[in-house]
Structure formats: structure tokens, C-alpha cells
């Protein structure tokens, strides 16, 4: 059986859009960034506009943008989280 070749990807964290841009300009294949809510890093709140502006920049360089939603959600947060996910999807994040 023949094994598939492995593709090495450079994934970089970014506190904000400026750092994400620098990571991409320095060779990151993908960047993960916190959104405007539901992230484990409270000091890394990027607006939807920040992320929407970042996506075409990243795609121009062949990079992808991932947004973290990595906190425990309580029942009363499920609908707002779902709306945020829909809004992020509409910005074109990967």
C-alpha cells in the first residue's frame, strides 16, 4: 500500500490582525485568531470588521484564516455563538 505524501503547514497564532498580516508576510500558511467573543484569550478581541478585512489579504497570499471559539458555552450563549459563527462564515474565514 502506498502512503500519501505529508504536507507540512506553518500555522501561526495571532493576537490581532496586524500580527496576522506579519505572520502571513513571513511565510505562515495559516493563522488562527480570536474573534469578538467566546475566545479563551480575553485580551484578543478582534472585531468582525478586523477579520473581514484580514481574509482577502490572507487569501491573496494563499494563506487561510481560522477563528478560535474555544470557551465552554453555557445554554444562554448558544444562540449568540451560533450567530457569531454565521457572521464569521460570511466574512470568508476558512
N, C-alpha and C. Protein backbone atom coordinates (compact mmCIF):
# COMPACT_ATOMS: atom_id res chain seq x y z
N UNK A 1 0.84 -1.17 0.00
CA UNK A 1 0.00 0.00 0.00
C UNK A 1 0.89 1.25 0.00
N UNK A 2 0.51 2.19 -0.79
CA UNK A 2 1.28 3.42 -0.94
C UNK A 2 0.79 4.49 0.02
N UNK A 3 1.71 5.12 0.74
CA UNK A 3 1.33 6.19 1.67
C UNK A 3 1.22 7.51 0.93
N UNK A 4 0.30 8.33 1.40
CA UNK A 4 0.15 9.67 0.84
C UNK A 4 1.29 10.55 1.34
N UNK A 5 1.80 11.44 0.51
CA UNK A 5 2.84 12.35 0.99
C UNK A 5 2.27 13.30 2.04
N UNK A 6 3.10 13.67 2.98
CA UNK A 6 2.69 14.60 4.02
C UNK A 6 2.96 16.02 3.57
N UNK A 7 2.06 16.91 3.91
CA UNK A 7 2.22 18.32 3.59
C UNK A 7 2.46 19.05 4.90
N UNK A 8 3.57 19.71 5.00
CA UNK A 8 3.90 20.48 6.19
C UNK A 8 3.28 21.86 6.07
N UNK A 9 2.57 22.29 7.11
CA UNK A 9 1.91 23.59 7.10
C UNK A 9 2.39 24.40 8.29
N UNK A 10 2.71 25.65 8.04
CA UNK A 10 3.10 26.56 9.12
C UNK A 10 1.85 27.31 9.59
N UNK A 11 1.40 26.99 10.80
CA UNK A 11 0.21 27.59 11.40
C UNK A 11 0.67 28.52 12.51
N UNK A 12 0.24 29.77 12.45
CA UNK A 12 0.71 30.77 13.40
C UNK A 12 -0.44 31.35 14.21
N UNK A 13 -0.24 31.53 15.52
CA UNK A 13 -1.24 32.27 16.29
C UNK A 13 -1.08 33.76 16.04
N UNK A 14 -2.16 34.51 16.22
CA UNK A 14 -2.08 35.96 16.07
C UNK A 14 -3.05 36.62 17.04
N UNK A 15 -2.53 37.52 17.84
CA UNK A 15 -3.36 38.24 18.81
C UNK A 15 -4.31 39.20 18.12
N UNK A 16 -3.84 39.78 17.00
CA UNK A 16 -4.67 40.74 16.28
C UNK A 16 -4.35 40.68 14.79
N UNK A 17 -5.08 41.47 14.01
CA UNK A 17 -4.95 41.42 12.55
C UNK A 17 -3.57 41.88 12.09
N UNK A 18 -2.97 42.84 12.79
CA UNK A 18 -1.63 43.31 12.39
C UNK A 18 -0.61 42.18 12.53
N UNK A 19 -0.68 41.44 13.61
CA UNK A 19 0.24 40.31 13.79
C UNK A 19 -0.06 39.22 12.77
N UNK A 20 -1.33 39.01 12.46
CA UNK A 20 -1.69 38.02 11.45
C UNK A 20 -1.09 38.38 10.09
N UNK A 21 -1.18 39.65 9.73
CA UNK A 21 -0.60 40.10 8.45
C UNK A 21 0.91 39.85 8.42
N UNK A 22 1.58 40.18 9.52
CA UNK A 22 3.03 39.95 9.58
C UNK A 22 3.37 38.47 9.47
N UNK A 23 2.60 37.63 10.14
CA UNK A 23 2.84 36.19 10.06
C UNK A 23 2.70 35.70 8.62
N UNK A 24 1.69 36.18 7.93
CA UNK A 24 1.47 35.79 6.53
C UNK A 24 2.60 36.30 5.65
N UNK A 25 3.01 37.54 5.85
CA UNK A 25 4.11 38.10 5.06
C UNK A 25 5.42 37.38 5.31
N UNK A 26 5.54 36.71 6.45
CA UNK A 26 6.75 35.98 6.78
C UNK A 26 6.60 34.48 6.58
N UNK A 27 5.58 34.06 5.82
CA UNK A 27 5.51 32.68 5.37
C UNK A 27 4.49 31.77 6.02
N UNK A 28 3.64 32.28 6.91
CA UNK A 28 2.63 31.40 7.51
C UNK A 28 1.64 30.94 6.45
N UNK A 29 1.33 29.66 6.47
CA UNK A 29 0.32 29.11 5.56
C UNK A 29 -1.09 29.37 6.08
N UNK A 30 -1.20 29.50 7.38
CA UNK A 30 -2.49 29.75 8.02
C UNK A 30 -2.26 30.47 9.34
N UNK A 31 -3.27 31.20 9.76
CA UNK A 31 -3.22 31.95 11.01
C UNK A 31 -4.50 31.66 11.78
N UNK A 32 -4.37 31.49 13.09
CA UNK A 32 -5.58 31.42 13.90
C UNK A 32 -5.64 32.63 14.81
N UNK A 33 -6.84 33.17 14.93
CA UNK A 33 -7.04 34.45 15.60
C UNK A 33 -8.34 34.37 16.40
N UNK A 34 -8.37 35.08 17.51
CA UNK A 34 -9.59 35.13 18.32
C UNK A 34 -10.60 36.08 17.72
N UNK A 35 -11.85 35.73 17.86
CA UNK A 35 -12.92 36.58 17.35
C UNK A 35 -13.43 37.55 18.40
N UNK A 36 -14.56 38.17 18.13
CA UNK A 36 -15.11 39.16 19.05
C UNK A 36 -15.78 38.57 20.29
N UNK A 37 -15.73 37.30 20.46
CA UNK A 37 -16.31 36.68 21.64
C UNK A 37 -16.03 35.20 21.67
N UNK A 38 -16.24 34.60 22.83
CA UNK A 38 -16.14 33.16 23.02
C UNK A 38 -14.73 32.62 22.79
N UNK A 39 -13.73 33.45 23.04
CA UNK A 39 -12.35 33.01 22.93
C UNK A 39 -11.70 32.90 24.30
N UNK A 40 -10.71 32.04 24.43
CA UNK A 40 -10.04 31.84 25.70
C UNK A 40 -9.15 33.02 26.07
N UNK A 41 -8.78 33.83 25.10
CA UNK A 41 -7.92 34.99 25.37
C UNK A 41 -8.76 36.26 25.33
N UNK A 42 -9.08 36.76 26.49
CA UNK A 42 -9.96 37.93 26.58
C UNK A 42 -9.31 39.19 26.02
N UNK A 43 -7.99 39.26 26.03
CA UNK A 43 -7.32 40.46 25.52
C UNK A 43 -7.13 40.43 24.01
N UNK A 44 -7.67 39.43 23.35
CA UNK A 44 -7.50 39.29 21.90
C UNK A 44 -8.85 39.37 21.20
N UNK A 45 -9.59 40.42 21.48
CA UNK A 45 -10.91 40.53 20.86
C UNK A 45 -10.81 41.33 19.57
N UNK A 46 -10.93 40.65 18.48
CA UNK A 46 -10.90 41.27 17.16
C UNK A 46 -12.33 41.41 16.67
N UNK A 47 -12.63 42.52 16.06
CA UNK A 47 -13.99 42.74 15.56
C UNK A 47 -14.21 41.93 14.27
N UNK A 48 -15.47 41.77 13.93
CA UNK A 48 -15.79 41.13 12.65
C UNK A 48 -15.19 41.91 11.50
N UNK A 49 -15.18 43.23 11.59
CA UNK A 49 -14.59 44.07 10.54
C UNK A 49 -13.10 43.78 10.41
N UNK A 50 -12.38 43.66 11.54
CA UNK A 50 -10.95 43.32 11.51
C UNK A 50 -10.74 42.01 10.75
N UNK A 51 -11.54 41.03 11.07
CA UNK A 51 -11.40 39.71 10.45
C UNK A 51 -11.81 39.76 8.98
N UNK A 52 -12.90 40.46 8.69
CA UNK A 52 -13.35 40.58 7.29
C UNK A 52 -12.30 41.27 6.43
N UNK A 53 -11.58 42.23 6.98
CA UNK A 53 -10.52 42.90 6.23
C UNK A 53 -9.29 42.01 6.08
N UNK A 54 -9.06 41.14 7.04
CA UNK A 54 -7.89 40.26 7.02
C UNK A 54 -8.03 39.12 6.00
N UNK A 55 -9.23 38.61 5.83
CA UNK A 55 -9.45 37.44 4.97
C UNK A 55 -8.96 37.64 3.54
N UNK A 56 -9.36 38.71 2.83
CA UNK A 56 -8.86 38.85 1.45
C UNK A 56 -7.35 39.03 1.38
N UNK A 57 -6.78 39.69 2.38
CA UNK A 57 -5.32 39.83 2.43
C UNK A 57 -4.68 38.45 2.50
N UNK A 58 -5.17 37.62 3.41
CA UNK A 58 -4.61 36.27 3.56
C UNK A 58 -4.78 35.45 2.29
N UNK A 59 -5.96 35.50 1.72
CA UNK A 59 -6.23 34.70 0.52
C UNK A 59 -5.39 35.16 -0.66
N UNK A 60 -5.08 36.44 -0.72
CA UNK A 60 -4.21 36.95 -1.79
C UNK A 60 -2.83 36.28 -1.72
N UNK A 61 -2.39 35.93 -0.51
CA UNK A 61 -1.10 35.29 -0.33
C UNK A 61 -1.21 33.77 -0.21
N UNK A 62 -2.40 33.23 -0.45
CA UNK A 62 -2.59 31.79 -0.39
C UNK A 62 -2.65 31.25 1.03
N UNK A 63 -2.89 32.11 2.00
CA UNK A 63 -2.97 31.69 3.40
C UNK A 63 -4.43 31.58 3.83
N UNK A 64 -4.65 30.84 4.89
CA UNK A 64 -6.00 30.66 5.42
C UNK A 64 -6.13 31.31 6.79
N UNK A 65 -7.35 31.71 7.13
CA UNK A 65 -7.65 32.31 8.42
C UNK A 65 -8.61 31.40 9.18
N UNK A 66 -8.20 31.01 10.37
CA UNK A 66 -9.05 30.23 11.27
C UNK A 66 -9.37 31.10 12.47
N UNK A 67 -10.60 31.04 12.94
CA UNK A 67 -11.01 31.82 14.11
C UNK A 67 -11.32 30.86 15.24
N UNK A 68 -10.77 31.15 16.41
CA UNK A 68 -11.00 30.28 17.56
C UNK A 68 -12.26 30.68 18.32
N UNK A 69 -13.05 29.70 18.64
CA UNK A 69 -14.16 29.82 19.58
C UNK A 69 -13.92 28.70 20.58
N UNK A 70 -13.12 28.97 21.59
CA UNK A 70 -12.61 27.90 22.43
C UNK A 70 -12.86 28.15 23.92
N UNK A 71 -14.10 28.44 24.25
CA UNK A 71 -14.52 28.50 25.64
C UNK A 71 -15.70 27.57 25.84
N UNK A 72 -15.99 27.28 27.07
CA UNK A 72 -17.16 26.46 27.37
C UNK A 72 -18.39 27.35 27.22
N UNK A 73 -19.33 26.89 26.43
CA UNK A 73 -20.55 27.66 26.19
C UNK A 73 -21.65 27.21 27.14
N UNK A 74 -22.31 28.18 27.75
CA UNK A 74 -23.47 27.91 28.59
C UNK A 74 -24.71 27.98 27.71
N UNK A 75 -25.80 27.43 28.20
CA UNK A 75 -27.03 27.37 27.42
C UNK A 75 -27.44 28.73 26.86
N UNK A 76 -27.32 29.77 27.67
CA UNK A 76 -27.75 31.10 27.22
C UNK A 76 -26.80 31.72 26.20
N UNK A 77 -25.66 31.07 25.94
CA UNK A 77 -24.70 31.58 24.97
C UNK A 77 -24.77 30.87 23.63
N UNK A 78 -25.57 29.83 23.53
CA UNK A 78 -25.60 29.03 22.30
C UNK A 78 -26.09 29.83 21.10
N UNK A 79 -27.17 30.57 21.24
CA UNK A 79 -27.67 31.35 20.10
C UNK A 79 -26.71 32.46 19.70
N UNK A 80 -26.17 33.25 20.65
CA UNK A 80 -25.18 34.26 20.25
C UNK A 80 -23.95 33.64 19.58
N UNK A 81 -23.51 32.48 20.06
CA UNK A 81 -22.36 31.81 19.45
C UNK A 81 -22.69 31.36 18.04
N UNK A 82 -23.90 30.85 17.85
CA UNK A 82 -24.31 30.43 16.51
C UNK A 82 -24.37 31.62 15.55
N UNK A 83 -24.87 32.75 16.03
CA UNK A 83 -24.90 33.96 15.19
C UNK A 83 -23.48 34.41 14.83
N UNK A 84 -22.58 34.34 15.81
CA UNK A 84 -21.19 34.72 15.55
C UNK A 84 -20.57 33.80 14.51
N UNK A 85 -20.80 32.51 14.63
CA UNK A 85 -20.25 31.56 13.66
C UNK A 85 -20.78 31.86 12.26
N UNK A 86 -22.06 32.16 12.15
CA UNK A 86 -22.64 32.52 10.85
C UNK A 86 -22.00 33.79 10.31
N UNK A 87 -21.83 34.79 11.17
CA UNK A 87 -21.20 36.04 10.75
C UNK A 87 -19.76 35.81 10.31
N UNK A 88 -19.03 34.98 11.04
CA UNK A 88 -17.65 34.67 10.67
C UNK A 88 -17.60 33.93 9.34
N UNK A 89 -18.49 32.98 9.15
CA UNK A 89 -18.58 32.26 7.88
C UNK A 89 -18.79 33.25 6.73
N UNK A 90 -19.64 34.23 6.95
CA UNK A 90 -19.94 35.21 5.91
C UNK A 90 -18.77 36.14 5.61
N UNK A 91 -17.79 36.24 6.51
CA UNK A 91 -16.59 37.03 6.22
C UNK A 91 -15.64 36.28 5.30
N UNK A 92 -15.84 34.96 5.17
CA UNK A 92 -14.98 34.17 4.29
C UNK A 92 -13.86 33.44 4.99
N UNK A 93 -13.90 33.38 6.33
CA UNK A 93 -12.84 32.65 7.03
C UNK A 93 -12.85 31.19 6.60
N UNK A 94 -11.72 30.56 6.82
CA UNK A 94 -11.57 29.18 6.38
C UNK A 94 -11.97 28.21 7.47
